[in-house]
Amino acid sequence: MRAGYRAVRGASAVRVSEVAEVAVYDTGDPEVVVGEHVVVAALPSRPAALTLPGLLVLRVRDGLVVHCRDYMDGLGLVGARGGDAVSR
């Protein structure tokens, strides 16, 4: 999983400087953890820092991540890159 995230980040113009506002939620299921966070990053084409909220849902079994869902504010990223977040 780490290698996958590193590969994606390495291929992207977005440079993550911080993962902030981390909150972890108990789901009542001992295998499932939900984490909420804000990624602070920079784009070469944008002088101001970019902040994108995200949500991570993990299923852990026997100490190994067996399922991962990673959600982020994709429309926020499109807007930060100067695109139109709403396609008509």
PDB file of N, CA and C in Angstrom:
ATOM      1  N   MET A   1       0.824  -1.172   0.000  1.00  0.00           N
ATOM      2  CA  MET A   1       0.000   0.000   0.000  1.00  0.00           C
ATOM      3  C   MET A   1       0.881   1.252   0.000  1.00  0.00           C
ATOM      4  N   ARG A   2       1.900   1.253   0.833  1.00  0.00           N
ATOM      5  CA  ARG A   2       2.808   2.410   0.866  1.00  0.00           C
ATOM      6  C   ARG A   2       3.443   2.640  -0.494  1.00  0.00           C
ATOM      7  N   ALA A   3       3.883   1.558  -1.129  1.00  0.00           N
ATOM      8  CA  ALA A   3       4.524   1.675  -2.439  1.00  0.00           C
ATOM      9  C   ALA A   3       3.554   2.254  -3.464  1.00  0.00           C
ATOM     10  N   GLY A   4       2.302   1.857  -3.396  1.00  0.00           N
ATOM     11  CA  GLY A   4       1.292   2.381  -4.311  1.00  0.00           C
ATOM     12  C   GLY A   4       1.072   3.872  -4.136  1.00  0.00           C
ATOM     13  N   TYR A   5       0.954   4.320  -2.884  1.00  0.00           N
ATOM     14  CA  TYR A   5       0.785   5.753  -2.617  1.00  0.00           C
ATOM     15  C   TYR A   5       2.021   6.535  -3.061  1.00  0.00           C
ATOM     16  N   ARG A   6       3.205   6.010  -2.798  1.00  0.00           N
ATOM     17  CA  ARG A   6       4.439   6.694  -3.219  1.00  0.00           C
ATOM     18  C   ARG A   6       4.497   6.822  -4.744  1.00  0.00           C
ATOM     19  N   ALA A   7       4.112   5.774  -5.454  1.00  0.00           N
ATOM     20  CA  ALA A   7       4.140   5.809  -6.917  1.00  0.00           C
ATOM     21  C   ALA A   7       3.185   6.863  -7.457  1.00  0.00           C
ATOM     22  N   VAL A   8       1.990   6.933  -6.899  1.00  0.00           N
ATOM     23  CA  VAL A   8       1.005   7.926  -7.348  1.00  0.00           C
ATOM     24  C   VAL A   8       1.503   9.331  -7.051  1.00  0.00           C
ATOM     25  N   ARG A   9       1.992   9.541  -5.839  1.00  0.00           N
ATOM     26  CA  ARG A   9       2.486  10.876  -5.470  1.00  0.00           C
ATOM     27  C   ARG A   9       3.698  11.267  -6.302  1.00  0.00           C
ATOM     28  N   GLY A  10       4.554  10.308  -6.597  1.00  0.00           N
ATOM     29  CA  GLY A  10       5.740  10.605  -7.396  1.00  0.00           C
ATOM     30  C   GLY A  10       5.408  10.985  -8.828  1.00  0.00           C
ATOM     31  N   ALA A  11       4.309  10.484  -9.364  1.00  0.00           N
ATOM     32  CA  ALA A  11       3.909  10.761 -10.742  1.00  0.00           C
ATOM     33  C   ALA A  11       3.062  12.024 -10.859  1.00  0.00           C
ATOM     34  N   SER A  12       2.700  12.624  -9.748  1.00  0.00           N
ATOM     35  CA  SER A  12       1.806  13.779  -9.741  1.00  0.00           C
ATOM     36  C   SER A  12       2.584  15.075  -9.541  1.00  0.00           C
ATOM     37  N   ALA A  13       2.061  16.159 -10.096  1.00  0.00           N
ATOM     38  CA  ALA A  13       2.649  17.485  -9.872  1.00  0.00           C
ATOM     39  C   ALA A  13       2.323  18.002  -8.472  1.00  0.00           C
ATOM     40  N   VAL A  14       1.345  17.412  -7.825  1.00  0.00           N
ATOM     41  CA  VAL A  14       0.961  17.819  -6.469  1.00  0.00           C
ATOM     42  C   VAL A  14       2.027  17.336  -5.495  1.00  0.00           C
ATOM     43  N   ARG A  15       2.511  18.232  -4.641  1.00  0.00           N
ATOM     44  CA  ARG A  15       3.510  17.885  -3.627  1.00  0.00           C
ATOM     45  C   ARG A  15       2.889  18.054  -2.247  1.00  0.00           C
ATOM     46  N   VAL A  16       2.686  16.949  -1.559  1.00  0.00           N
ATOM     47  CA  VAL A  16       2.069  16.955  -0.228  1.00  0.00           C
ATOM     48  C   VAL A  16       3.095  17.432   0.794  1.00  0.00           C
ATOM     49  N   SER A  17       2.716  18.445   1.581  1.00  0.00           N
ATOM     50  CA  SER A  17       3.611  18.944   2.626  1.00  0.00           C
ATOM     51  C   SER A  17       3.160  18.521   4.016  1.00  0.00           C
ATOM     52  N   GLU A  18       1.875  18.202   4.154  1.00  0.00           N
ATOM     53  CA  GLU A  18       1.361  17.868   5.481  1.00  0.00           C
ATOM     54  C   GLU A  18       0.033  17.125   5.360  1.00  0.00           C
ATOM     55  N   VAL A  19      -0.210  16.246   6.298  1.00  0.00           N
ATOM     56  CA  VAL A  19      -1.533  15.647   6.484  1.00  0.00           C
ATOM     57  C   VAL A  19      -1.986  16.124   7.859  1.00  0.00           C
ATOM     58  N   ALA A  20      -3.033  16.946   7.881  1.00  0.00           N
ATOM     59  CA  ALA A  20      -3.456  17.621   9.112  1.00  0.00           C
ATOM     60  C   ALA A  20      -4.876  17.228   9.496  1.00  0.00           C
ATOM     61  N   GLU A  21      -5.271  17.702  10.645  1.00  0.00           N
ATOM     62  CA  GLU A  21      -6.641  17.517  11.147  1.00  0.00           C
ATOM     63  C   GLU A  21      -7.087  16.058  11.059  1.00  0.00           C
ATOM     64  N   VAL A  22      -6.247  15.176  11.521  1.00  0.00           N
ATOM     65  CA  VAL A  22      -6.545  13.748  11.459  1.00  0.00           C
ATOM     66  C   VAL A  22      -7.518  13.375  12.575  1.00  0.00           C
ATOM     67  N   ALA A  23      -8.577  12.694  12.208  1.00  0.00           N
ATOM     68  CA  ALA A  23      -9.545  12.165  13.178  1.00  0.00           C
ATOM     69  C   ALA A  23      -9.801  10.706  12.819  1.00  0.00           C
ATOM     70  N   VAL A  24      -9.817   9.853  13.825  1.00  0.00           N
ATOM     71  CA  VAL A  24     -10.068   8.423  13.623  1.00  0.00           C
ATOM     72  C   VAL A  24     -11.366   8.076  14.330  1.00  0.00           C
ATOM     73  N   TYR A  25     -12.238   7.375  13.632  1.00  0.00           N
ATOM     74  CA  TYR A  25     -13.565   7.056  14.158  1.00  0.00           C
ATOM     75  C   TYR A  25     -13.724   5.561  14.398  1.00  0.00           C
ATOM     76  N   ASP A  26     -14.314   5.239  15.514  1.00  0.00           N
ATOM     77  CA  ASP A  26     -14.655   3.855  15.852  1.00  0.00           C
ATOM     78  C   ASP A  26     -15.961   3.522  15.146  1.00  0.00           C
ATOM     79  N   THR A  27     -15.958   2.459  14.371  1.00  0.00           N
ATOM     80  CA  THR A  27     -17.147   2.092  13.600  1.00  0.00           C
ATOM     81  C   THR A  27     -18.008   1.042  14.290  1.00  0.00           C
ATOM     82  N   GLY A  28     -17.510   0.490  15.386  1.00  0.00           N
ATOM     83  CA  GLY A  28     -18.227  -0.604  16.032  1.00  0.00           C
ATOM     84  C   GLY A  28     -17.842  -1.962  15.475  1.00  0.00           C
ATOM     85  N   ASP A  29     -17.194  -1.978  14.325  1.00  0.00           N
ATOM     86  CA  ASP A  29     -16.686  -3.209  13.722  1.00  0.00           C
ATOM     87  C   ASP A  29     -15.190  -3.260  14.017  1.00  0.00           C
ATOM     88  N   PRO A  30     -14.702  -4.273  14.719  1.00  0.00           N
ATOM     89  CA  PRO A  30     -13.288  -4.296  15.091  1.00  0.00           C
ATOM     90  C   PRO A  30     -12.319  -4.362  13.908  1.00  0.00           C
ATOM     91  N   GLU A  31     -12.816  -4.679  12.730  1.00  0.00           N
ATOM     92  CA  GLU A  31     -11.951  -4.733  11.547  1.00  0.00           C
ATOM     93  C   GLU A  31     -11.926  -3.423  10.767  1.00  0.00           C
ATOM     94  N   VAL A  32     -12.867  -2.524  11.020  1.00  0.00           N
ATOM     95  CA  VAL A  32     -13.012  -1.332  10.180  1.00  0.00           C
ATOM     96  C   VAL A  32     -12.646  -0.065  10.953  1.00  0.00           C
ATOM     97  N   VAL A  33     -11.807   0.741  10.318  1.00  0.00           N
ATOM     98  CA  VAL A  33     -11.402   2.031  10.866  1.00  0.00           C
ATOM     99  C   VAL A  33     -11.690   3.090   9.810  1.00  0.00           C
ATOM    100  N   VAL A  34     -12.230   4.222  10.237  1.00  0.00           N
ATOM    101  CA  VAL A  34     -12.472   5.344   9.341  1.00  0.00           C
ATOM    102  C   VAL A  34     -11.614   6.510   9.814  1.00  0.00           C
ATOM    103  N   GLY A  35     -10.854   7.076   8.902  1.00  0.00           N
ATOM    104  CA  GLY A  35     -10.019   8.229   9.215  1.00  0.00           C
ATOM    105  C   GLY A  35     -10.380   9.396   8.322  1.00  0.00           C
ATOM    106  N   GLU A  36     -10.441  10.567   8.922  1.00  0.00           N
ATOM    107  CA  GLU A  36     -10.723  11.797   8.187  1.00  0.00           C
ATOM    108  C   GLU A  36      -9.485  12.681   8.308  1.00  0.00           C
ATOM    109  N   HIS A  37      -9.139  13.401   7.242  1.00  0.00           N
ATOM    110  CA  HIS A  37      -7.925  14.205   7.263  1.00  0.00           C
ATOM    111  C   HIS A  37      -8.009  15.333   6.242  1.00  0.00           C
ATOM    112  N   VAL A  38      -7.061  16.246   6.336  1.00  0.00           N
ATOM    113  CA  VAL A  38      -6.911  17.307   5.350  1.00  0.00           C
ATOM    114  C   VAL A  38      -5.480  17.247   4.835  1.00  0.00           C
ATOM    115  N   VAL A  39      -5.332  17.148   3.530  1.00  0.00           N
ATOM    116  CA  VAL A  39      -4.012  17.137   2.906  1.00  0.00           C
ATOM    117  C   VAL A  39      -3.663  18.572   2.516  1.00  0.00           C
ATOM    118  N   VAL A  40      -2.495  19.023   2.953  1.00  0.00           N
ATOM    119  CA  VAL A  40      -1.981  20.339   2.571  1.00  0.00           C
ATOM    120  C   VAL A  40      -0.901  20.084   1.530  1.00  0.00           C
ATOM    121  N   ALA A  41      -1.047  20.716   0.377  1.00  0.00           N
ATOM    122  CA  ALA A  41      -0.146  20.415  -0.736  1.00  0.00           C
ATOM    123  C   ALA A  41       0.130  21.667  -1.554  1.00  0.00           C
ATOM    124  N   ALA A  42       1.024  21.520  -2.514  1.00  0.00           N
ATOM    125  CA  ALA A  42       1.370  22.612  -3.415  1.00  0.00           C
ATOM    126  C   ALA A  42       1.332  22.109  -4.850  1.00  0.00           C
ATOM    127  N   LEU A  43       0.956  23.015  -5.726  1.00  0.00           N
ATOM    128  CA  LEU A  43       1.001  22.769  -7.168  1.00  0.00           C
ATOM    129  C   LEU A  43       1.993  23.756  -7.775  1.00  0.00           C
ATOM    130  N   PRO A  44       2.797  23.345  -8.746  1.00  0.00           N
ATOM    131  CA  PRO A  44       3.750  24.281  -9.360  1.00  0.00           C
ATOM    132  C   PRO A  44       3.066  25.508  -9.965  1.00  0.00           C
ATOM    133  N   SER A  45       1.850  25.351 -10.439  1.00  0.00           N
ATOM    134  CA  SER A  45       1.136  26.441 -11.107  1.00  0.00           C
ATOM    135  C   SER A  45       0.349  27.329 -10.147  1.00  0.00           C
ATOM    136  N   ARG A  46       0.448  27.075  -8.852  1.00  0.00           N
ATOM    137  CA  ARG A  46      -0.378  27.804  -7.884  1.00  0.00           C
ATOM    138  C   ARG A  46       0.494  28.248  -6.709  1.00  0.00           C
ATOM    139  N   PRO A  47       0.538  29.567  -6.440  1.00  0.00           N
ATOM    140  CA  PRO A  47       1.395  30.043  -5.353  1.00  0.00           C
ATOM    141  C   PRO A  47       0.875  29.695  -3.950  1.00  0.00           C
ATOM    142  N   ALA A  48      -0.415  29.649  -3.778  1.00  0.00           N
ATOM    143  CA  ALA A  48      -0.994  29.382  -2.452  1.00  0.00           C
ATOM    144  C   ALA A  48      -1.084  27.880  -2.191  1.00  0.00           C
ATOM    145  N   ALA A  49      -1.018  27.518  -0.922  1.00  0.00           N
ATOM    146  CA  ALA A  49      -1.168  26.107  -0.540  1.00  0.00           C
ATOM    147  C   ALA A  49      -2.574  25.629  -0.878  1.00  0.00           C
ATOM    148  N   LEU A  50      -2.674  24.386  -1.177  1.00  0.00           N
ATOM    149  CA  LEU A  50      -3.929  23.733  -1.524  1.00  0.00           C
ATOM    150  C   LEU A  50      -4.319  22.831  -0.359  1.00  0.00           C
ATOM    151  N   THR A  51      -5.565  22.887   0.070  1.00  0.00           N
ATOM    152  CA  THR A  51      -6.029  21.985   1.128  1.00  0.00           C
ATOM    153  C   THR A  51      -7.176  21.147   0.588  1.00  0.00           C
ATOM    154  N   LEU A  52      -7.053  19.843   0.743  1.00  0.00           N
ATOM    155  CA  LEU A  52      -8.067  18.913   0.249  1.00  0.00           C
ATOM    156  C   LEU A  52      -8.487  17.978   1.370  1.00  0.00           C
ATOM    157  N   PRO A  53      -9.764  17.993   1.737  1.00  0.00           N
ATOM    158  CA  PRO A  53     -10.230  17.042   2.743  1.00  0.00           C
ATOM    159  C   PRO A  53     -10.332  15.643   2.146  1.00  0.00           C
ATOM    160  N   GLY A  54     -10.144  14.653   3.003  1.00  0.00           N
ATOM    161  CA  GLY A  54     -10.228  13.276   2.544  1.00  0.00           C
ATOM    162  C   GLY A  54     -10.751  12.349   3.621  1.00  0.00           C
ATOM    163  N   LEU A  55     -11.112  11.172   3.195  1.00  0.00           N
ATOM    164  CA  LEU A  55     -11.653  10.151   4.085  1.00  0.00           C
ATOM    165  C   LEU A  55     -11.033   8.819   3.677  1.00  0.00           C
ATOM    166  N   LEU A  56     -10.591   8.060   4.661  1.00  0.00           N
ATOM    167  CA  LEU A  56      -9.971   6.766   4.404  1.00  0.00           C
ATOM    168  C   LEU A  56     -10.721   5.711   5.206  1.00  0.00           C
ATOM    169  N   VAL A  57     -11.156   4.660   4.533  1.00  0.00           N
ATOM    170  CA  VAL A  57     -11.845   3.554   5.194  1.00  0.00           C
ATOM    171  C   VAL A  57     -10.965   2.316   5.023  1.00  0.00           C
ATOM    172  N   LEU A  58     -10.542   1.755   6.143  1.00  0.00           N
ATOM    173  CA  LEU A  58      -9.651   0.595   6.116  1.00  0.00           C
ATOM    174  C   LEU A  58     -10.300  -0.595   6.796  1.00  0.00           C
ATOM    175  N   ARG A  59     -10.091  -1.762   6.210  1.00  0.00           N
ATOM    176  CA  ARG A  59     -10.456  -3.015   6.869  1.00  0.00           C
ATOM    177  C   ARG A  59      -9.143  -3.731   7.161  1.00  0.00           C
ATOM    178  N   VAL A  60      -8.927  -4.016   8.441  1.00  0.00           N
ATOM    179  CA  VAL A  60      -7.689  -4.642   8.893  1.00  0.00           C
ATOM    180  C   VAL A  60      -8.022  -6.000   9.484  1.00  0.00           C
ATOM    181  N   ARG A  61      -7.315  -7.021   9.003  1.00  0.00           N
ATOM    182  CA  ARG A  61      -7.532  -8.382   9.497  1.00  0.00           C
ATOM    183  C   ARG A  61      -6.167  -9.007   9.789  1.00  0.00           C
ATOM    184  N   ASP A  62      -6.013  -9.528  10.980  1.00  0.00           N
ATOM    185  CA  ASP A  62      -4.747 -10.152  11.396  1.00  0.00           C
ATOM    186  C   ASP A  62      -3.561  -9.209  11.209  1.00  0.00           C
ATOM    187  N   GLY A  63      -3.788  -7.919  11.465  1.00  0.00           N
ATOM    188  CA  GLY A  63      -2.714  -6.933  11.383  1.00  0.00           C
ATOM    189  C   GLY A  63      -2.383  -6.449   9.985  1.00  0.00           C
ATOM    190  N   LEU A  64      -3.122  -6.906   8.978  1.00  0.00           N
ATOM    191  CA  LEU A  64      -2.874  -6.506   7.596  1.00  0.00           C
ATOM    192  C   LEU A  64      -4.070  -5.753   7.038  1.00  0.00           C
ATOM    193  N   VAL A  65      -3.806  -4.719   6.241  1.00  0.00           N
ATOM    194  CA  VAL A  65      -4.880  -4.002   5.560  1.00  0.00           C
ATOM    195  C   VAL A  65      -5.367  -4.899   4.430  1.00  0.00           C
ATOM    196  N   VAL A  66      -6.631  -5.302   4.490  1.00  0.00           N
ATOM    197  CA  VAL A  66      -7.182  -6.188   3.460  1.00  0.00           C
ATOM    198  C   VAL A  66      -8.114  -5.450   2.504  1.00  0.00           C
ATOM    199  N   HIS A  67      -8.486  -4.228   2.868  1.00  0.00           N
ATOM    200  CA  HIS A  67      -9.361  -3.434   2.006  1.00  0.00           C
ATOM    201  C   HIS A  67      -9.135  -1.964   2.333  1.00  0.00           C
ATOM    202  N   CYS A  68      -9.083  -1.151   1.314  1.00  0.00           N
ATOM    203  CA  CYS A  68      -8.869   0.286   1.520  1.00  0.00           C
ATOM    204  C   CYS A  68      -9.722   1.067   0.533  1.00  0.00           C
ATOM    205  N   ARG A  69     -10.424   2.051   1.047  1.00  0.00           N
ATOM    206  CA  ARG A  69     -11.162   3.005   0.201  1.00  0.00           C
ATOM    207  C   ARG A  69     -10.642   4.385   0.554  1.00  0.00           C
ATOM    208  N   ASP A  70     -10.199   5.128  -0.429  1.00  0.00           N
ATOM    209  CA  ASP A  70      -9.603   6.440  -0.216  1.00  0.00           C
ATOM    210  C   ASP A  70     -10.424   7.459  -0.999  1.00  0.00           C
ATOM    211  N   TYR A  71     -11.056   8.353  -0.287  1.00  0.00           N
ATOM    212  CA  TYR A  71     -11.903   9.367  -0.911  1.00  0.00           C
ATOM    213  C   TYR A  71     -11.286  10.738  -0.666  1.00  0.00           C
ATOM    214  N   MET A  72     -11.298  11.608  -1.670  1.00  0.00           N
ATOM    215  CA  MET A  72     -10.833  12.976  -1.482  1.00  0.00           C
ATOM    216  C   MET A  72     -11.725  13.925  -2.258  1.00  0.00           C
ATOM    217  N   ASP A  73     -11.534  15.194  -2.010  1.00  0.00           N
ATOM    218  CA  ASP A  73     -12.323  16.224  -2.669  1.00  0.00           C
ATOM    219  C   ASP A  73     -11.798  16.429  -4.091  1.00  0.00           C
ATOM    220  N   GLY A  74     -12.225  15.570  -4.992  1.00  0.00           N
ATOM    221  CA  GLY A  74     -11.775  15.638  -6.380  1.00  0.00           C
ATOM    222  C   GLY A  74     -12.166  16.930  -7.074  1.00  0.00           C
ATOM    223  N   LEU A  75     -13.354  17.444  -6.780  1.00  0.00           N
ATOM    224  CA  LEU A  75     -13.776  18.710  -7.384  1.00  0.00           C
ATOM    225  C   LEU A  75     -12.910  19.859  -6.882  1.00  0.00           C
ATOM    226  N   GLY A  76     -12.493  19.784  -5.613  1.00  0.00           N
ATOM    227  CA  GLY A  76     -11.590  20.802  -5.072  1.00  0.00           C
ATOM    228  C   GLY A  76     -10.258  20.804  -5.804  1.00  0.00           C
ATOM    229  N   LEU A  77      -9.754  19.624  -6.138  1.00  0.00           N
ATOM    230  CA  LEU A  77      -8.493  19.520  -6.876  1.00  0.00           C
ATOM    231  C   LEU A  77      -8.647  20.071  -8.289  1.00  0.00           C
ATOM    232  N   VAL A  78      -9.746  19.754  -8.943  1.00  0.00           N
ATOM    233  CA  VAL A  78     -10.002  20.282 -10.292  1.00  0.00           C
ATOM    234  C   VAL A  78     -10.041  21.806 -10.251  1.00  0.00           C
ATOM    235  N   GLY A  79     -10.749  22.364  -9.278  1.00  0.00           N
ATOM    236  CA  GLY A  79     -10.831  23.820  -9.143  1.00  0.00           C
ATOM    237  C   GLY A  79      -9.478  24.449  -8.858  1.00  0.00           C
ATOM    238  N   ALA A  80      -8.685  23.827  -8.003  1.00  0.00           N
ATOM    239  CA  ALA A  80      -7.360  24.354  -7.658  1.00  0.00           C
ATOM    240  C   ALA A  80      -6.427  24.351  -8.863  1.00  0.00           C
ATOM    241  N   ARG A  81      -6.647  23.425  -9.761  1.00  0.00           N
ATOM    242  CA  ARG A  81      -5.807  23.344 -10.968  1.00  0.00           C
ATOM    243  C   ARG A  81      -6.317  24.268 -12.065  1.00  0.00           C
ATOM    244  N   GLY A  82      -7.350  25.055 -11.750  1.00  0.00           N
ATOM    245  CA  GLY A  82      -7.853  26.032 -12.705  1.00  0.00           C
ATOM    246  C   GLY A  82      -8.920  25.501 -13.632  1.00  0.00           C
ATOM    247  N   GLY A  83      -9.401  24.300 -13.372  1.00  0.00           N
ATOM    248  CA  GLY A  83     -10.436  23.716 -14.218  1.00  0.00           C
ATOM    249  C   GLY A  83     -11.829  24.077 -13.745  1.00  0.00           C
ATOM    250  N   ASP A  84     -12.784  23.788 -14.561  1.00  0.00           N
ATOM    251  CA  ASP A  84     -14.188  23.987 -14.216  1.00  0.00           C
ATOM    252  C   ASP A  84     -14.665  22.729 -13.511  1.00  0.00           C
ATOM    253  N   ALA A  85     -15.005  22.863 -12.234  1.00  0.00           N
ATOM    254  CA  ALA A  85     -15.404  21.705 -11.434  1.00  0.00           C
ATOM    255  C   ALA A  85     -16.754  21.143 -11.859  1.00  0.00           C
ATOM    256  N   VAL A  86     -17.521  21.927 -12.602  1.00  0.00           N
ATOM    257  CA  VAL A  86     -18.844  21.464 -13.026  1.00  0.00           C
ATOM    258  C   VAL A  86     -18.852  21.367 -14.545  1.00  0.00           C
ATOM    259  N   SER A  87     -18.995  20.159 -15.038  1.00  0.00           N
ATOM    260  CA  SER A  87     -19.042  19.942 -16.478  1.00  0.00           C
ATOM    261  C   SER A  87     -20.478  20.062 -16.952  1.00  0.00           C
ATOM    262  N   ARG A  88     -20.680  20.748 -18.043  1.00  0.00           N
ATOM    263  CA  ARG A  88     -22.042  20.926 -18.565  1.00  0.00           C
ATOM    264  C   ARG A  88     -22.200  20.198 -19.868  1.00  0.00           C
TER     265      ARG A  88
END
